C-alpha atoms as a PDB file:
ATOM      1  CA  MET A   1     -48.114 -67.260 -68.003  1.00  0.00           C
ATOM      2  CA  SER A   2     -46.487 -66.039 -64.803  1.00  0.00           C
ATOM      3  CA  CYS A   3     -45.948 -67.241 -61.251  1.00  0.00           C
ATOM      4  CA  SER A   4     -43.722 -66.650 -58.235  1.00  0.00           C
ATOM      5  CA  PHE A   5     -40.004 -67.392 -58.553  1.00  0.00           C
ATOM      6  CA  PRO A   6     -38.253 -68.911 -56.811  1.00  0.00           C
ATOM      7  CA  ALA A   7     -41.112 -71.242 -56.038  1.00  0.00           C
ATOM      8  CA  ASP A   8     -42.409 -71.218 -52.494  1.00  0.00           C
ATOM      9  CA  GLU A   9     -45.024 -73.372 -50.795  1.00  0.00           C
ATOM     10  CA  LYS A  10     -47.864 -71.449 -52.449  1.00  0.00           C
ATOM     11  CA  ILE A  11     -47.334 -71.746 -56.170  1.00  0.00           C
ATOM     12  CA  ALA A  12     -50.018 -70.037 -58.222  1.00  0.00           C
ATOM     13  CA  TYR A  13     -49.902 -69.579 -61.963  1.00  0.00           C
ATOM     14  CA  GLU A  14     -51.676 -66.888 -63.934  1.00  0.00           C
ATOM     15  CA  VAL A  15     -52.442 -67.325 -67.593  1.00  0.00           C
ATOM     16  CA  HIS A  16     -52.881 -64.142 -69.597  1.00  0.00           C
ATOM     17  CA  ILE A  17     -54.625 -63.933 -72.936  1.00  0.00           C
ATOM     18  CA  ALA A  18     -54.162 -60.879 -75.119  1.00  0.00           C
ATOM     19  CA  PRO A  19     -57.447 -59.814 -76.708  1.00  0.00           C
ATOM     20  CA  PRO A  20     -57.492 -58.396 -80.241  1.00  0.00           C
ATOM     21  CA  GLU A  21     -56.667 -54.675 -80.466  1.00  0.00           C
ATOM     22  CA  GLU A  22     -60.246 -53.817 -81.460  1.00  0.00           C
ATOM     23  CA  TYR A  23     -61.699 -55.581 -78.397  1.00  0.00           C
ATOM     24  CA  VAL A  24     -63.855 -53.329 -76.193  1.00  0.00           C
ATOM     25  CA  PRO A  25     -64.161 -54.850 -72.708  1.00  0.00           C
ATOM     26  CA  SER A  26     -67.383 -54.730 -70.709  1.00  0.00           C
ATOM     27  CA  GLN A  27     -67.365 -53.273 -67.181  1.00  0.00           C
ATOM     28  CA  GLU A  28     -67.312 -56.826 -65.814  1.00  0.00           C
ATOM     29  CA  ASP A  29     -64.315 -57.721 -67.988  1.00  0.00           C
ATOM     30  CA  LEU A  30     -62.438 -54.573 -66.920  1.00  0.00           C
ATOM     31  CA  ILE A  31     -62.522 -55.757 -63.294  1.00  0.00           C
ATOM     32  CA  ARG A  32     -60.954 -59.102 -64.270  1.00  0.00           C
ATOM     33  CA  MET A  33     -58.313 -57.651 -66.604  1.00  0.00           C
ATOM     34  CA  ASN A  34     -54.777 -56.636 -65.713  1.00  0.00           C
ATOM     35  CA  TRP A  35     -51.834 -55.300 -67.653  1.00  0.00           C
ATOM     36  CA  LEU A  36     -48.246 -56.466 -67.587  1.00  0.00           C
ATOM     37  CA  GLU A  37     -45.957 -53.678 -66.462  1.00  0.00           C
ATOM     38  CA  GLY A  38     -43.469 -52.230 -68.897  1.00  0.00           C
ATOM     39  CA  GLY A  39     -39.754 -51.865 -68.294  1.00  0.00           C
ATOM     40  CA  LEU A  40     -36.586 -53.829 -68.949  1.00  0.00           C
ATOM     41  CA  TYR A  41     -36.698 -57.616 -69.221  1.00  0.00           C
ATOM     42  CA  ALA A  42     -34.032 -60.252 -69.769  1.00  0.00           C
ATOM     43  CA  CYS A  43     -35.297 -62.714 -72.388  1.00  0.00           C
ATOM     44  CA  ILE A  44     -34.431 -66.255 -73.416  1.00  0.00           C
ATOM     45  CA  THR A  45     -36.162 -68.323 -76.122  1.00  0.00           C
ATOM     46  CA  THR A  46     -36.343 -72.120 -76.071  1.00  0.00           C
ATOM     47  CA  LYS A  47     -38.626 -75.015 -76.943  1.00  0.00           C
ATOM     48  CA  ALA A  48     -41.607 -75.265 -74.599  1.00  0.00           C
ATOM     49  CA  TYR A  49     -41.303 -78.558 -72.747  1.00  0.00           C
ATOM     50  CA  GLY A  50     -42.297 -78.928 -69.096  1.00  0.00           C
ATOM     51  CA  SER A  51     -41.773 -76.330 -66.406  1.00  0.00           C
ATOM     52  CA  MET A  52     -40.175 -72.971 -67.075  1.00  0.00           C
ATOM     53  CA  SER A  53     -38.240 -73.142 -63.780  1.00  0.00           C
ATOM     54  CA  GLY A  54     -35.040 -74.292 -65.528  1.00  0.00           C
ATOM     55  CA  VAL A  55     -35.287 -71.473 -68.052  1.00  0.00           C
ATOM     56  CA  LEU A  56     -35.883 -68.933 -65.293  1.00  0.00           C
ATOM     57  CA  GLU A  57     -32.928 -70.347 -63.401  1.00  0.00           C
ATOM     58  CA  ARG A  58     -30.714 -69.578 -66.423  1.00  0.00           C
ATOM     59  CA  ILE A  59     -31.959 -65.967 -66.477  1.00  0.00           C
ATOM     60  CA  TYR A  60     -31.389 -65.495 -62.728  1.00  0.00           C
ATOM     61  CA  ARG A  61     -27.975 -67.187 -62.882  1.00  0.00           C
ATOM     62  CA  TRP A  62     -26.966 -64.739 -65.640  1.00  0.00           C
ATOM     63  CA  LEU A  63     -28.296 -61.823 -63.589  1.00  0.00           C
ATOM     64  CA  SER A  64     -26.242 -62.936 -60.569  1.00  0.00           C
ATOM     65  CA  ILE A  65     -23.013 -62.313 -62.538  1.00  0.00           C
ATOM     66  CA  SER A  66     -24.168 -59.366 -64.648  1.00  0.00           C
ATOM     67  CA  PRO A  67     -22.327 -56.144 -63.825  1.00  0.00           C
ATOM     68  CA  ASP A  68     -25.167 -54.074 -65.306  1.00  0.00           C
ATOM     69  CA  TYR A  69     -28.500 -55.678 -64.330  1.00  0.00           C
ATOM     70  CA  GLU A  70     -30.250 -57.202 -61.336  1.00  0.00           C
ATOM     71  CA  PRO A  71     -33.699 -58.785 -60.886  1.00  0.00           C
ATOM     72  CA  ASP A  72     -36.634 -56.413 -60.381  1.00  0.00           C
ATOM     73  CA  VAL A  73     -38.491 -58.153 -57.545  1.00  0.00           C
ATOM     74  CA  ARG A  74     -41.480 -55.770 -57.802  1.00  0.00           C
ATOM     75  CA  ARG A  75     -42.591 -57.199 -61.162  1.00  0.00           C
ATOM     76  CA  SER A  76     -43.472 -60.739 -62.248  1.00  0.00           C
ATOM     77  CA  TRP A  77     -41.764 -62.803 -64.895  1.00  0.00           C
ATOM     78  CA  TYR A  78     -43.851 -64.026 -67.794  1.00  0.00           C
ATOM     79  CA  SER A  79     -43.674 -66.432 -70.709  1.00  0.00           C
ATOM     80  CA  TYR A  80     -44.984 -65.952 -74.217  1.00  0.00           C
ATOM     81  CA  TYR A  81     -45.797 -69.161 -76.107  1.00  0.00           C
ATOM     82  CA  VAL A  82     -45.373 -69.109 -79.885  1.00  0.00           C
ATOM     83  CA  PRO A  83     -46.631 -71.951 -82.134  1.00  0.00           C
ATOM     84  CA  ASN A  84     -44.567 -72.529 -85.271  1.00  0.00           C
ATOM     85  CA  PHE A  85     -45.838 -75.447 -87.338  1.00  0.00           C
ATOM     86  CA  GLU A  86     -43.245 -74.882 -90.077  1.00  0.00           C
ATOM     87  CA  ASP A  87     -40.519 -76.184 -87.729  1.00  0.00           C
ATOM     88  CA  VAL A  88     -42.250 -79.564 -87.315  1.00  0.00           C
ATOM     89  CA  PRO A  89     -41.295 -82.177 -89.941  1.00  0.00           C
ATOM     90  CA  GLY A  90     -43.717 -84.733 -91.363  1.00  0.00           C
ATOM     91  CA  GLU A  91     -47.357 -84.924 -92.328  1.00  0.00           C
ATOM     92  CA  GLY A  92     -48.871 -85.077 -88.834  1.00  0.00           C
ATOM     93  CA  LYS A  93     -48.062 -81.820 -87.118  1.00  0.00           C
ATOM     94  CA  ASP A  94     -47.258 -82.312 -83.431  1.00  0.00           C
ATOM     95  CA  PHE A  95     -48.549 -79.214 -81.638  1.00  0.00           C
ATOM     96  CA  GLU A  96     -46.440 -79.828 -78.504  1.00  0.00           C
ATOM     97  CA  ARG A  97     -43.223 -79.979 -80.527  1.00  0.00           C
ATOM     98  CA  SER A  98     -44.140 -76.905 -82.566  1.00  0.00           C
ATOM     99  CA  VAL A  99     -44.285 -74.458 -79.661  1.00  0.00           C
ATOM    100  CA  SER A 100     -41.392 -72.299 -78.538  1.00  0.00           C
ATOM    101  CA  VAL A 101     -41.466 -70.059 -75.509  1.00  0.00           C
ATOM    102  CA  GLU A 102     -39.984 -66.647 -74.858  1.00  0.00           C
ATOM    103  CA  CYS A 103     -39.360 -66.274 -71.136  1.00  0.00           C
ATOM    104  CA  PHE A 104     -39.004 -62.730 -69.766  1.00  0.00           C
ATOM    105  CA  GLY A 105     -37.506 -61.908 -66.361  1.00  0.00           C
ATOM    106  CA  PRO A 106     -37.892 -58.316 -65.134  1.00  0.00           C
ATOM    107  CA  VAL A 107     -34.613 -56.470 -64.571  1.00  0.00           C
ATOM    108  CA  ILE A 108     -33.390 -53.075 -63.415  1.00  0.00           C
ATOM    109  CA  LEU A 109     -30.055 -51.363 -63.858  1.00  0.00           C
ATOM    110  CA  ARG A 110     -27.633 -51.912 -60.991  1.00  0.00           C
ATOM    111  CA  GLY A 111     -27.219 -48.725 -59.072  1.00  0.00           C
END
């Protein structure tokens, strides 16, 4: 998932799904597909509750005092959601409580 940060009046989220490695896209699918750009990212992992804006704020606050890195405004941030049912106690597994999220903010070296 990615969106603009900081949020402005036009907030739009994109949800990305990674197909299996053996997937061969049709011509129609190729038009609708995009790839996340490589490079350096600051990462923080937390439980996935609510909006990621607070998590992103922590990344950008850290970047504001980092002597080595600054935000890369040309690339989008993204989040990677990871279910982990082993972390949920009890018989009835609560999907919402089992998910953690890795939030990645694009960075570049200060120069």
